[in-house]
Amino acid sequence: MIGIIDYGMGNLYSVSKALERLDYDYVLTDNIEKLKEAKGLILPGVGSFRDAMSILRETKLAQYIEAEVESGKPLLGICLGMQLLFEESEENGVTEGLSFLKGRAVRFAGVTDEGKRYKVPHMGWNKLEFHHENHPLLDDVAQDHVYFVHSYFIDQTNKDVVLASSTYDVDVPAVVGKGNVFGTQFHPEKSSEIGMSILKNFAAIVEGEKS
């Protein structure tokens, strides 16, 4: 069973429906005792980094997540949830994240080096470029287009944790992973067969079928 962490800022419906399509058991809750029963965790997220961290700290969910990761339980962050895995974000003032991975969320400049302006937030389908094709999270996953919606991206991160990236104006870490901590900047639950394959692989990691 996977526990989807409900802290009031997630794309909960689409994530839960994706797990249903995979016929995989899940619990959607903010109750720590119920989440403890899960073999793995998904941290979704839509909205402000600062607001998200404030809620996670106030509800003690941050401390719970930190303890579970330390114990070895697999964790997948999605969109804002992926950014929360890193050290900090500059959104609405610098805010400390969960700090499982090194790096910082920064805002898209909205203008290229050549002076051409582009829309922020970025919304659209962009192609993945794999850097660790033998990683279990990317097993049998096509190197194709996935769906992004975001105004911030992870910068200044250790390249070893970037499993896949996507380039539009800047090089954006799209899939990250280190140990039992994983993240996707895009929405796998909205990214057709590619996204479903990644969720299926995460479920297999949770079950100990992939490592």
N, C-alpha and C. Protein backbone atom coordinates (compact mmCIF):
# COMPACT_ATOMS: atom_id res chain seq x y z
N MET A 1 0.84 -1.20 0.00
CA MET A 1 0.00 0.00 0.00
C MET A 1 0.87 1.25 0.00
N ILE A 2 0.46 2.25 -0.78
CA ILE A 2 1.15 3.54 -0.82
C ILE A 2 0.30 4.57 -0.09
N GLY A 3 0.93 5.40 0.71
CA GLY A 3 0.24 6.48 1.40
C GLY A 3 0.42 7.79 0.65
N ILE A 4 -0.69 8.39 0.20
CA ILE A 4 -0.66 9.70 -0.44
C ILE A 4 -0.86 10.74 0.66
N ILE A 5 0.12 11.59 0.86
CA ILE A 5 0.10 12.54 1.97
C ILE A 5 -0.79 13.73 1.63
N ASP A 6 -1.87 13.87 2.37
CA ASP A 6 -2.84 14.96 2.14
C ASP A 6 -2.57 16.08 3.13
N TYR A 7 -1.92 17.13 2.64
CA TYR A 7 -1.68 18.31 3.49
C TYR A 7 -2.41 19.53 2.92
N GLY A 8 -3.38 19.25 2.04
CA GLY A 8 -4.24 20.32 1.54
C GLY A 8 -3.72 21.07 0.34
N MET A 9 -2.58 20.64 -0.24
CA MET A 9 -2.00 21.38 -1.38
C MET A 9 -1.59 20.44 -2.51
N GLY A 10 -2.30 19.34 -2.66
CA GLY A 10 -1.86 18.36 -3.63
C GLY A 10 -2.85 18.09 -4.74
N ASN A 11 -2.34 17.51 -5.82
CA ASN A 11 -3.16 17.04 -6.92
C ASN A 11 -3.66 15.63 -6.55
N LEU A 12 -4.48 15.58 -5.51
CA LEU A 12 -4.81 14.32 -4.86
C LEU A 12 -5.69 13.43 -5.72
N TYR A 13 -6.68 14.01 -6.35
CA TYR A 13 -7.64 13.20 -7.12
C TYR A 13 -6.94 12.47 -8.26
N SER A 14 -6.14 13.19 -9.03
CA SER A 14 -5.51 12.58 -10.20
C SER A 14 -4.47 11.54 -9.79
N VAL A 15 -3.75 11.79 -8.70
CA VAL A 15 -2.77 10.80 -8.23
C VAL A 15 -3.46 9.54 -7.75
N SER A 16 -4.52 9.70 -6.96
CA SER A 16 -5.24 8.52 -6.45
C SER A 16 -5.88 7.74 -7.58
N LYS A 17 -6.42 8.44 -8.59
CA LYS A 17 -7.03 7.75 -9.72
C LYS A 17 -5.99 6.99 -10.53
N ALA A 18 -4.78 7.54 -10.62
CA ALA A 18 -3.71 6.84 -11.34
C ALA A 18 -3.36 5.53 -10.65
N LEU A 19 -3.28 5.54 -9.31
CA LEU A 19 -3.00 4.30 -8.58
C LEU A 19 -4.14 3.31 -8.72
N GLU A 20 -5.37 3.83 -8.78
CA GLU A 20 -6.51 2.95 -9.01
C GLU A 20 -6.40 2.26 -10.36
N ARG A 21 -5.96 3.01 -11.39
CA ARG A 21 -5.81 2.41 -12.72
C ARG A 21 -4.74 1.33 -12.72
N LEU A 22 -3.76 1.48 -11.86
CA LEU A 22 -2.72 0.46 -11.73
C LEU A 22 -3.16 -0.69 -10.84
N ASP A 23 -4.37 -0.57 -10.28
CA ASP A 23 -4.91 -1.58 -9.37
C ASP A 23 -4.00 -1.77 -8.15
N TYR A 24 -3.50 -0.62 -7.65
CA TYR A 24 -2.59 -0.66 -6.51
C TYR A 24 -3.27 0.00 -5.30
N ASP A 25 -3.19 -0.66 -4.15
CA ASP A 25 -3.82 -0.15 -2.94
C ASP A 25 -3.14 1.13 -2.46
N TYR A 26 -3.97 2.07 -2.00
CA TYR A 26 -3.42 3.32 -1.46
C TYR A 26 -4.33 3.83 -0.34
N VAL A 27 -3.77 4.73 0.45
CA VAL A 27 -4.56 5.45 1.43
C VAL A 27 -4.26 6.93 1.24
N LEU A 28 -5.29 7.76 1.20
CA LEU A 28 -5.15 9.20 1.02
C LEU A 28 -5.55 9.86 2.34
N THR A 29 -4.57 10.42 3.06
CA THR A 29 -4.87 10.89 4.40
C THR A 29 -3.79 11.84 4.92
N ASP A 30 -4.16 12.60 5.96
CA ASP A 30 -3.18 13.40 6.69
C ASP A 30 -2.90 12.78 8.06
N ASN A 31 -3.50 11.61 8.30
CA ASN A 31 -3.35 10.93 9.59
C ASN A 31 -2.04 10.15 9.62
N ILE A 32 -1.14 10.55 10.48
CA ILE A 32 0.19 9.94 10.53
C ILE A 32 0.13 8.46 10.87
N GLU A 33 -0.76 8.08 11.78
CA GLU A 33 -0.86 6.66 12.16
C GLU A 33 -1.29 5.81 10.98
N LYS A 34 -2.20 6.32 10.15
CA LYS A 34 -2.63 5.57 8.97
C LYS A 34 -1.51 5.53 7.92
N LEU A 35 -0.78 6.65 7.77
CA LEU A 35 0.32 6.69 6.82
C LEU A 35 1.43 5.71 7.20
N LYS A 36 1.60 5.48 8.49
CA LYS A 36 2.64 4.55 8.95
C LYS A 36 2.39 3.13 8.45
N GLU A 37 1.14 2.82 8.13
CA GLU A 37 0.80 1.47 7.65
C GLU A 37 1.23 1.26 6.20
N ALA A 38 1.52 2.35 5.49
CA ALA A 38 1.89 2.25 4.08
C ALA A 38 3.35 1.82 3.94
N LYS A 39 3.64 1.13 2.84
CA LYS A 39 5.01 0.69 2.55
C LYS A 39 5.82 1.78 1.86
N GLY A 40 5.12 2.73 1.23
CA GLY A 40 5.78 3.83 0.54
C GLY A 40 4.89 5.06 0.58
N LEU A 41 5.47 6.22 0.27
CA LEU A 41 4.74 7.48 0.38
C LEU A 41 4.85 8.29 -0.90
N ILE A 42 3.76 9.00 -1.23
CA ILE A 42 3.78 9.99 -2.31
C ILE A 42 3.46 11.35 -1.71
N LEU A 43 4.33 12.33 -2.00
CA LEU A 43 4.13 13.71 -1.56
C LEU A 43 3.78 14.55 -2.77
N PRO A 44 2.48 14.79 -3.01
CA PRO A 44 2.08 15.62 -4.15
C PRO A 44 2.25 17.10 -3.79
N GLY A 45 1.92 17.97 -4.71
CA GLY A 45 2.01 19.39 -4.36
C GLY A 45 1.68 20.31 -5.50
N VAL A 46 0.84 21.30 -5.22
CA VAL A 46 0.51 22.36 -6.16
C VAL A 46 0.40 23.65 -5.35
N GLY A 47 1.13 24.69 -5.75
CA GLY A 47 1.04 25.94 -5.02
C GLY A 47 2.38 26.44 -4.53
N SER A 48 2.36 27.15 -3.41
CA SER A 48 3.53 27.85 -2.88
C SER A 48 4.39 26.94 -2.00
N PHE A 49 5.69 26.97 -2.25
CA PHE A 49 6.67 26.22 -1.46
C PHE A 49 6.59 26.64 0.01
N ARG A 50 6.55 27.94 0.25
CA ARG A 50 6.52 28.44 1.65
C ARG A 50 5.27 27.96 2.37
N ASP A 51 4.11 28.07 1.73
CA ASP A 51 2.85 27.62 2.35
C ASP A 51 2.89 26.12 2.63
N ALA A 52 3.41 25.36 1.66
CA ALA A 52 3.48 23.90 1.82
C ALA A 52 4.35 23.51 3.01
N MET A 53 5.53 24.11 3.12
CA MET A 53 6.42 23.77 4.23
C MET A 53 5.83 24.20 5.56
N SER A 54 5.14 25.33 5.57
CA SER A 54 4.51 25.80 6.80
C SER A 54 3.47 24.80 7.29
N ILE A 55 2.64 24.30 6.37
CA ILE A 55 1.62 23.31 6.74
C ILE A 55 2.27 22.01 7.19
N LEU A 56 3.28 21.55 6.45
CA LEU A 56 3.94 20.29 6.81
C LEU A 56 4.59 20.38 8.18
N ARG A 57 5.18 21.52 8.52
CA ARG A 57 5.80 21.69 9.84
C ARG A 57 4.73 21.77 10.94
N GLU A 58 3.68 22.55 10.70
CA GLU A 58 2.64 22.74 11.72
C GLU A 58 1.90 21.45 12.04
N THR A 59 1.71 20.61 11.04
CA THR A 59 0.96 19.36 11.24
C THR A 59 1.85 18.20 11.68
N LYS A 60 3.16 18.46 11.80
CA LYS A 60 4.15 17.44 12.17
C LYS A 60 4.37 16.42 11.06
N LEU A 61 3.77 16.66 9.88
CA LEU A 61 3.98 15.74 8.77
C LEU A 61 5.42 15.79 8.27
N ALA A 62 6.06 16.95 8.34
CA ALA A 62 7.45 17.07 7.92
C ALA A 62 8.34 16.17 8.76
N GLN A 63 8.15 16.22 10.08
CA GLN A 63 8.95 15.39 10.97
C GLN A 63 8.68 13.92 10.72
N TYR A 64 7.42 13.60 10.45
CA TYR A 64 7.05 12.21 10.15
C TYR A 64 7.74 11.73 8.87
N ILE A 65 7.68 12.55 7.81
CA ILE A 65 8.30 12.19 6.53
C ILE A 65 9.80 11.99 6.72
N GLU A 66 10.44 12.89 7.45
CA GLU A 66 11.88 12.80 7.69
C GLU A 66 12.23 11.49 8.39
N ALA A 67 11.43 11.10 9.38
CA ALA A 67 11.68 9.86 10.11
C ALA A 67 11.48 8.64 9.22
N GLU A 68 10.46 8.66 8.38
CA GLU A 68 10.17 7.53 7.51
C GLU A 68 11.26 7.36 6.45
N VAL A 69 11.72 8.46 5.89
CA VAL A 69 12.80 8.39 4.90
C VAL A 69 14.06 7.84 5.55
N GLU A 70 14.35 8.29 6.76
CA GLU A 70 15.53 7.80 7.48
C GLU A 70 15.43 6.29 7.74
N SER A 71 14.21 5.81 7.91
CA SER A 71 14.01 4.38 8.18
C SER A 71 14.11 3.55 6.91
N GLY A 72 14.11 4.22 5.74
CA GLY A 72 14.24 3.51 4.48
C GLY A 72 12.98 3.41 3.66
N LYS A 73 11.90 4.00 4.11
CA LYS A 73 10.64 3.92 3.35
C LYS A 73 10.75 4.76 2.08
N PRO A 74 10.37 4.21 0.91
CA PRO A 74 10.45 4.98 -0.34
C PRO A 74 9.48 6.17 -0.35
N LEU A 75 9.96 7.28 -0.91
CA LEU A 75 9.17 8.51 -0.99
C LEU A 75 9.27 9.06 -2.40
N LEU A 76 8.12 9.41 -2.99
CA LEU A 76 8.08 10.04 -4.31
C LEU A 76 7.41 11.41 -4.20
N GLY A 77 8.15 12.46 -4.55
CA GLY A 77 7.58 13.81 -4.59
C GLY A 77 7.17 14.16 -6.01
N ILE A 78 6.00 14.78 -6.16
CA ILE A 78 5.49 15.14 -7.48
C ILE A 78 5.29 16.65 -7.58
N CYS A 79 5.86 17.27 -8.63
CA CYS A 79 5.74 18.71 -8.91
C CYS A 79 6.29 19.52 -7.72
N LEU A 80 5.46 20.30 -7.04
CA LEU A 80 5.92 21.01 -5.86
C LEU A 80 6.48 20.02 -4.84
N GLY A 81 5.86 18.85 -4.77
CA GLY A 81 6.33 17.82 -3.84
C GLY A 81 7.77 17.43 -4.10
N MET A 82 8.19 17.44 -5.38
CA MET A 82 9.60 17.17 -5.69
C MET A 82 10.49 18.30 -5.19
N GLN A 83 10.06 19.55 -5.40
CA GLN A 83 10.87 20.68 -4.96
C GLN A 83 11.04 20.69 -3.45
N LEU A 84 10.03 20.23 -2.73
CA LEU A 84 10.10 20.19 -1.27
C LEU A 84 11.18 19.23 -0.77
N LEU A 85 11.61 18.31 -1.61
CA LEU A 85 12.65 17.35 -1.22
C LEU A 85 14.01 18.01 -1.11
N PHE A 86 14.14 19.20 -1.68
CA PHE A 86 15.44 19.88 -1.74
C PHE A 86 15.64 20.84 -0.57
N GLU A 87 16.79 21.51 -0.55
CA GLU A 87 17.20 22.30 0.60
C GLU A 87 16.37 23.56 0.81
N GLU A 88 16.03 24.25 -0.28
CA GLU A 88 15.32 25.52 -0.11
C GLU A 88 14.71 25.99 -1.42
N SER A 89 13.84 27.01 -1.30
CA SER A 89 13.25 27.67 -2.47
C SER A 89 13.29 29.17 -2.24
N GLU A 90 13.42 29.91 -3.34
CA GLU A 90 13.41 31.37 -3.25
C GLU A 90 12.00 31.93 -3.38
N GLU A 91 10.99 31.07 -3.52
CA GLU A 91 9.62 31.51 -3.73
C GLU A 91 9.07 32.23 -2.49
N ASN A 92 8.61 33.45 -2.66
CA ASN A 92 8.08 34.28 -1.57
C ASN A 92 9.08 34.44 -0.42
N GLY A 93 10.33 34.58 -0.78
CA GLY A 93 11.38 34.65 0.24
C GLY A 93 11.96 33.26 0.45
N VAL A 94 13.22 33.19 0.83
CA VAL A 94 13.90 31.90 0.97
C VAL A 94 13.26 31.08 2.09
N THR A 95 12.89 29.84 1.75
CA THR A 95 12.25 28.93 2.70
C THR A 95 12.99 27.60 2.67
N GLU A 96 13.28 27.06 3.84
CA GLU A 96 13.98 25.78 3.94
C GLU A 96 13.03 24.64 3.62
N GLY A 97 13.53 23.67 2.84
CA GLY A 97 12.75 22.50 2.49
C GLY A 97 13.08 21.31 3.37
N LEU A 98 12.76 20.13 2.90
CA LEU A 98 13.01 18.90 3.68
C LEU A 98 14.48 18.49 3.64
N SER A 99 15.20 18.97 2.65
CA SER A 99 16.66 18.81 2.57
C SER A 99 17.14 17.37 2.44
N PHE A 100 16.37 16.54 1.76
CA PHE A 100 16.85 15.19 1.46
C PHE A 100 17.88 15.24 0.33
N LEU A 101 17.72 16.23 -0.55
CA LEU A 101 18.60 16.38 -1.71
C LEU A 101 19.15 17.80 -1.73
N LYS A 102 20.36 17.96 -2.28
CA LYS A 102 20.98 19.27 -2.36
C LYS A 102 20.47 20.02 -3.58
N GLY A 103 20.11 21.29 -3.40
CA GLY A 103 19.64 22.09 -4.51
C GLY A 103 18.63 23.12 -4.06
N ARG A 104 18.30 24.03 -4.97
CA ARG A 104 17.45 25.17 -4.64
C ARG A 104 16.44 25.41 -5.75
N ALA A 105 15.20 25.68 -5.38
CA ALA A 105 14.17 26.02 -6.38
C ALA A 105 14.24 27.51 -6.69
N VAL A 106 14.39 27.82 -7.98
CA VAL A 106 14.46 29.22 -8.42
C VAL A 106 13.43 29.44 -9.52
N ARG A 107 13.03 30.69 -9.70
CA ARG A 107 11.99 31.01 -10.68
C ARG A 107 12.57 31.11 -12.08
N PHE A 108 11.79 30.65 -13.05
CA PHE A 108 12.17 30.88 -14.44
C PHE A 108 12.32 32.38 -14.68
N ALA A 109 13.33 32.76 -15.43
CA ALA A 109 13.61 34.19 -15.66
C ALA A 109 12.51 34.86 -16.49
N GLY A 110 11.87 34.09 -17.37
CA GLY A 110 10.84 34.66 -18.23
C GLY A 110 11.40 35.35 -19.46
N VAL A 111 12.72 35.30 -19.60
CA VAL A 111 13.38 35.87 -20.78
C VAL A 111 14.64 35.06 -21.06
N THR A 112 14.87 34.74 -22.33
CA THR A 112 16.04 33.96 -22.70
C THR A 112 17.29 34.84 -22.70
N ASP A 113 18.45 34.20 -22.84
CA ASP A 113 19.70 34.95 -22.93
C ASP A 113 19.72 35.87 -24.15
N GLU A 114 18.92 35.52 -25.16
CA GLU A 114 18.85 36.35 -26.38
C GLU A 114 17.82 37.48 -26.24
N GLY A 115 17.15 37.55 -25.09
CA GLY A 115 16.19 38.62 -24.86
C GLY A 115 14.76 38.30 -25.25
N LYS A 116 14.51 37.05 -25.64
CA LYS A 116 13.16 36.66 -26.02
C LYS A 116 12.36 36.27 -24.78
N ARG A 117 11.17 36.88 -24.65
CA ARG A 117 10.34 36.60 -23.47
C ARG A 117 9.51 35.35 -23.66
N TYR A 118 9.25 34.65 -22.57
CA TYR A 118 8.39 33.46 -22.61
C TYR A 118 7.50 33.45 -21.37
N LYS A 119 6.43 32.68 -21.45
CA LYS A 119 5.40 32.68 -20.40
C LYS A 119 5.83 31.89 -19.17
N VAL A 120 5.59 32.47 -18.02
CA VAL A 120 5.77 31.80 -16.74
C VAL A 120 4.45 31.92 -15.99
N PRO A 121 3.85 30.82 -15.50
CA PRO A 121 4.43 29.49 -15.39
C PRO A 121 4.54 28.77 -16.72
N HIS A 122 5.50 27.85 -16.77
CA HIS A 122 5.63 26.99 -17.93
C HIS A 122 4.56 25.91 -17.86
N MET A 123 3.83 25.75 -18.93
CA MET A 123 2.81 24.71 -19.02
C MET A 123 2.95 24.02 -20.37
N GLY A 124 3.13 22.71 -20.35
CA GLY A 124 3.20 22.02 -21.63
C GLY A 124 3.91 20.70 -21.56
N TRP A 125 3.95 20.06 -22.72
CA TRP A 125 4.58 18.75 -22.87
C TRP A 125 6.01 18.93 -23.34
N ASN A 126 6.94 18.34 -22.61
CA ASN A 126 8.36 18.45 -22.96
C ASN A 126 9.02 17.08 -22.89
N LYS A 127 10.01 16.90 -23.73
CA LYS A 127 10.65 15.59 -23.85
C LYS A 127 11.69 15.36 -22.75
N LEU A 128 11.71 14.14 -22.24
CA LEU A 128 12.69 13.75 -21.24
C LEU A 128 13.99 13.33 -21.91
N GLU A 129 15.10 13.65 -21.25
CA GLU A 129 16.42 13.14 -21.65
C GLU A 129 16.97 12.36 -20.46
N PHE A 130 17.15 11.06 -20.64
CA PHE A 130 17.60 10.21 -19.54
C PHE A 130 19.11 10.33 -19.32
N HIS A 131 19.50 10.29 -18.06
CA HIS A 131 20.91 10.29 -17.70
C HIS A 131 21.31 9.00 -16.99
N HIS A 132 20.34 8.28 -16.46
CA HIS A 132 20.58 7.01 -15.77
C HIS A 132 19.51 6.03 -16.23
N GLU A 133 19.66 5.52 -17.45
CA GLU A 133 18.62 4.70 -18.05
C GLU A 133 18.41 3.37 -17.31
N ASN A 134 19.41 2.92 -16.57
CA ASN A 134 19.28 1.65 -15.86
C ASN A 134 18.68 1.81 -14.47
N HIS A 135 18.20 3.02 -14.16
CA HIS A 135 17.61 3.23 -12.84
C HIS A 135 16.24 2.55 -12.78
N PRO A 136 15.91 1.88 -11.67
CA PRO A 136 14.63 1.15 -11.59
C PRO A 136 13.39 2.02 -11.78
N LEU A 137 13.47 3.31 -11.46
CA LEU A 137 12.31 4.18 -11.65
C LEU A 137 12.02 4.42 -13.13
N LEU A 138 13.06 4.25 -13.98
CA LEU A 138 12.91 4.51 -15.42
C LEU A 138 12.89 3.23 -16.24
N ASP A 139 12.78 2.10 -15.57
CA ASP A 139 12.77 0.82 -16.26
C ASP A 139 11.59 0.72 -17.23
N ASP A 140 11.89 0.43 -18.49
CA ASP A 140 10.86 0.30 -19.55
C ASP A 140 10.05 1.58 -19.75
N VAL A 141 10.63 2.74 -19.44
CA VAL A 141 9.97 4.03 -19.64
C VAL A 141 10.51 4.66 -20.93
N ALA A 142 9.61 5.11 -21.78
CA ALA A 142 10.03 5.74 -23.04
C ALA A 142 10.61 7.12 -22.79
N GLN A 143 11.63 7.47 -23.57
CA GLN A 143 12.26 8.78 -23.47
C GLN A 143 11.45 9.75 -24.34
N ASP A 144 10.28 10.14 -23.83
CA ASP A 144 9.33 10.90 -24.64
C ASP A 144 8.78 12.08 -23.85
N HIS A 145 7.63 12.62 -24.27
CA HIS A 145 7.09 13.84 -23.69
C HIS A 145 6.22 13.59 -22.46
N VAL A 146 6.35 14.48 -21.48
CA VAL A 146 5.55 14.44 -20.25
C VAL A 146 5.03 15.84 -19.95
N TYR A 147 4.06 15.92 -19.04
CA TYR A 147 3.33 17.18 -18.84
C TYR A 147 3.82 17.95 -17.61
N PHE A 148 4.28 19.17 -17.85
CA PHE A 148 4.79 20.06 -16.80
C PHE A 148 3.85 21.24 -16.57
N VAL A 149 3.76 21.68 -15.31
CA VAL A 149 3.13 22.95 -14.96
C VAL A 149 3.92 23.51 -13.77
N HIS A 150 4.75 24.52 -14.01
CA HIS A 150 5.54 25.07 -12.89
C HIS A 150 6.16 26.41 -13.25
N SER A 151 6.40 27.19 -12.20
CA SER A 151 7.05 28.49 -12.33
C SER A 151 8.48 28.46 -11.80
N TYR A 152 8.81 27.42 -11.04
CA TYR A 152 10.13 27.27 -10.42
C TYR A 152 10.73 25.94 -10.84
N PHE A 153 12.06 25.88 -10.82
CA PHE A 153 12.76 24.64 -11.15
C PHE A 153 13.96 24.51 -10.22
N ILE A 154 14.48 23.29 -10.11
CA ILE A 154 15.61 23.05 -9.22
C ILE A 154 16.91 23.42 -9.91
N ASP A 155 17.68 24.27 -9.25
CA ASP A 155 18.97 24.72 -9.74
C ASP A 155 20.04 24.33 -8.71
N GLN A 156 21.29 24.36 -9.14
CA GLN A 156 22.41 24.13 -8.23
C GLN A 156 22.27 22.80 -7.49
N THR A 157 22.00 21.75 -8.24
CA THR A 157 21.87 20.44 -7.62
C THR A 157 22.99 19.52 -8.09
N ASN A 158 23.26 18.49 -7.32
CA ASN A 158 24.23 17.48 -7.67
C ASN A 158 23.71 16.71 -8.88
N LYS A 159 24.45 16.71 -9.96
CA LYS A 159 24.00 16.08 -11.20
C LYS A 159 23.78 14.57 -11.03
N ASP A 160 24.43 13.97 -10.04
CA ASP A 160 24.27 12.53 -9.83
C ASP A 160 22.85 12.16 -9.46
N VAL A 161 22.07 13.08 -8.89
CA VAL A 161 20.70 12.75 -8.49
C VAL A 161 19.70 13.01 -9.62
N VAL A 162 20.15 13.63 -10.71
CA VAL A 162 19.25 13.92 -11.83
C VAL A 162 19.19 12.70 -12.74
N LEU A 163 18.07 12.00 -12.70
CA LEU A 163 17.89 10.80 -13.52
C LEU A 163 17.46 11.14 -14.94
N ALA A 164 16.71 12.24 -15.07
CA ALA A 164 16.26 12.70 -16.39
C ALA A 164 16.04 14.20 -16.31
N SER A 165 16.25 14.88 -17.44
CA SER A 165 16.04 16.32 -17.49
C SER A 165 15.24 16.67 -18.73
N SER A 166 14.81 17.92 -18.78
CA SER A 166 14.11 18.44 -19.94
C SER A 166 14.59 19.86 -20.16
N THR A 167 14.80 20.22 -21.40
CA THR A 167 15.38 21.54 -21.69
C THR A 167 14.38 22.45 -22.37
N TYR A 168 14.10 23.59 -21.75
CA TYR A 168 13.34 24.68 -22.37
C TYR A 168 13.82 25.96 -21.71
N ASP A 169 14.63 26.71 -22.45
CA ASP A 169 15.38 27.88 -21.98
C ASP A 169 16.52 27.45 -21.07
N VAL A 170 16.20 26.69 -20.00
CA VAL A 170 17.22 26.17 -19.10
C VAL A 170 17.06 24.66 -19.00
N ASP A 171 18.09 24.01 -18.45
CA ASP A 171 18.05 22.56 -18.24
C ASP A 171 17.32 22.30 -16.93
N VAL A 172 16.18 21.64 -17.01
CA VAL A 172 15.32 21.43 -15.84
C VAL A 172 15.41 19.98 -15.36
N PRO A 173 15.84 19.74 -14.11
CA PRO A 173 15.78 18.39 -13.56
C PRO A 173 14.32 17.91 -13.55
N ALA A 174 14.05 16.82 -14.26
CA ALA A 174 12.68 16.35 -14.43
C ALA A 174 12.38 15.13 -13.57
N VAL A 175 13.37 14.25 -13.42
CA VAL A 175 13.25 13.08 -12.54
C VAL A 175 14.52 13.03 -11.69
N VAL A 176 14.34 12.93 -10.39
CA VAL A 176 15.49 12.88 -9.48
C VAL A 176 15.38 11.65 -8.59
N GLY A 177 16.52 11.23 -8.08
CA GLY A 177 16.48 10.09 -7.19
C GLY A 177 17.81 9.89 -6.47
N LYS A 178 17.72 9.57 -5.20
CA LYS A 178 18.89 9.23 -4.41
C LYS A 178 18.44 8.33 -3.27
N GLY A 179 18.99 7.12 -3.22
CA GLY A 179 18.57 6.19 -2.18
C GLY A 179 17.10 5.85 -2.33
N ASN A 180 16.33 6.10 -1.28
CA ASN A 180 14.89 5.81 -1.29
C ASN A 180 14.04 7.06 -1.52
N VAL A 181 14.67 8.14 -1.99
CA VAL A 181 13.96 9.40 -2.25
C VAL A 181 13.94 9.67 -3.75
N PHE A 182 12.73 9.89 -4.28
CA PHE A 182 12.55 10.10 -5.72
C PHE A 182 11.65 11.31 -5.95
N GLY A 183 11.72 11.88 -7.15
CA GLY A 183 10.84 13.00 -7.45
C GLY A 183 10.67 13.19 -8.95
N THR A 184 9.50 13.71 -9.33
CA THR A 184 9.26 14.11 -10.72
C THR A 184 8.75 15.54 -10.72
N GLN A 185 9.38 16.41 -11.52
CA GLN A 185 8.92 17.79 -11.62
C GLN A 185 7.61 17.85 -12.40
N PHE A 186 7.44 16.95 -13.34
CA PHE A 186 6.20 16.88 -14.12
C PHE A 186 5.16 16.06 -13.35
N HIS A 187 3.97 15.99 -13.93
CA HIS A 187 2.88 15.22 -13.33
C HIS A 187 2.80 13.85 -14.00
N PRO A 188 3.31 12.80 -13.39
CA PRO A 188 3.24 11.48 -14.03
C PRO A 188 1.80 11.02 -14.21
N GLU A 189 0.93 11.42 -13.28
CA GLU A 189 -0.47 10.99 -13.35
C GLU A 189 -1.23 11.65 -14.49
N LYS A 190 -0.60 12.66 -15.14
CA LYS A 190 -1.21 13.34 -16.28
C LYS A 190 -0.37 13.18 -17.55
N SER A 191 0.58 12.25 -17.50
CA SER A 191 1.55 12.12 -18.60
C SER A 191 1.42 10.81 -19.34
N SER A 192 0.19 10.35 -19.53
CA SER A 192 -0.11 9.19 -20.36
C SER A 192 0.68 7.96 -19.91
N GLU A 193 1.07 7.12 -20.88
CA GLU A 193 1.69 5.84 -20.56
C GLU A 193 3.04 6.00 -19.88
N ILE A 194 3.78 7.05 -20.23
CA ILE A 194 5.10 7.27 -19.62
C ILE A 194 4.95 7.50 -18.12
N GLY A 195 4.05 8.38 -17.76
CA GLY A 195 3.83 8.67 -16.35
C GLY A 195 3.33 7.46 -15.59
N MET A 196 2.43 6.70 -16.19
CA MET A 196 1.91 5.51 -15.54
C MET A 196 3.01 4.48 -15.34
N SER A 197 3.94 4.39 -16.29
CA SER A 197 5.06 3.46 -16.16
C SER A 197 5.95 3.83 -14.98
N ILE A 198 6.16 5.14 -14.80
CA ILE A 198 6.98 5.60 -13.67
C ILE A 198 6.28 5.29 -12.35
N LEU A 199 4.97 5.53 -12.28
CA LEU A 199 4.23 5.20 -11.06
C LEU A 199 4.25 3.70 -10.80
N LYS A 200 4.13 2.91 -11.85
CA LYS A 200 4.19 1.46 -11.71
C LYS A 200 5.55 1.02 -11.19
N ASN A 201 6.61 1.64 -11.70
CA ASN A 201 7.96 1.32 -11.23
C ASN A 201 8.15 1.73 -9.76
N PHE A 202 7.57 2.87 -9.38
CA PHE A 202 7.68 3.28 -7.98
C PHE A 202 6.97 2.27 -7.08
N ALA A 203 5.80 1.81 -7.51
CA ALA A 203 5.08 0.80 -6.74
C ALA A 203 5.90 -0.48 -6.62
N ALA A 204 6.62 -0.84 -7.69
CA ALA A 204 7.47 -2.03 -7.65
C ALA A 204 8.65 -1.83 -6.70
N ILE A 205 9.19 -0.61 -6.66
CA ILE A 205 10.25 -0.30 -5.70
C ILE A 205 9.73 -0.42 -4.27
N VAL A 206 8.53 0.11 -4.04
CA VAL A 206 7.89 0.03 -2.72
C VAL A 206 7.73 -1.42 -2.29
N GLU A 207 7.35 -2.28 -3.22
CA GLU A 207 7.12 -3.68 -2.92
C GLU A 207 8.41 -4.50 -2.88
N GLY A 208 9.54 -3.86 -3.16
CA GLY A 208 10.81 -4.57 -3.13
C GLY A 208 11.07 -5.40 -4.37
N GLU A 209 10.27 -5.15 -5.43
CA GLU A 209 10.43 -5.92 -6.68
C GLU A 209 11.50 -5.31 -7.58
N LYS A 210 11.85 -4.05 -7.33
CA LYS A 210 12.93 -3.37 -8.07
C LYS A 210 13.84 -2.70 -7.07
N SER A 211 15.12 -2.65 -7.41
CA SER A 211 16.06 -1.97 -6.51
C SER A 211 17.25 -1.46 -7.33
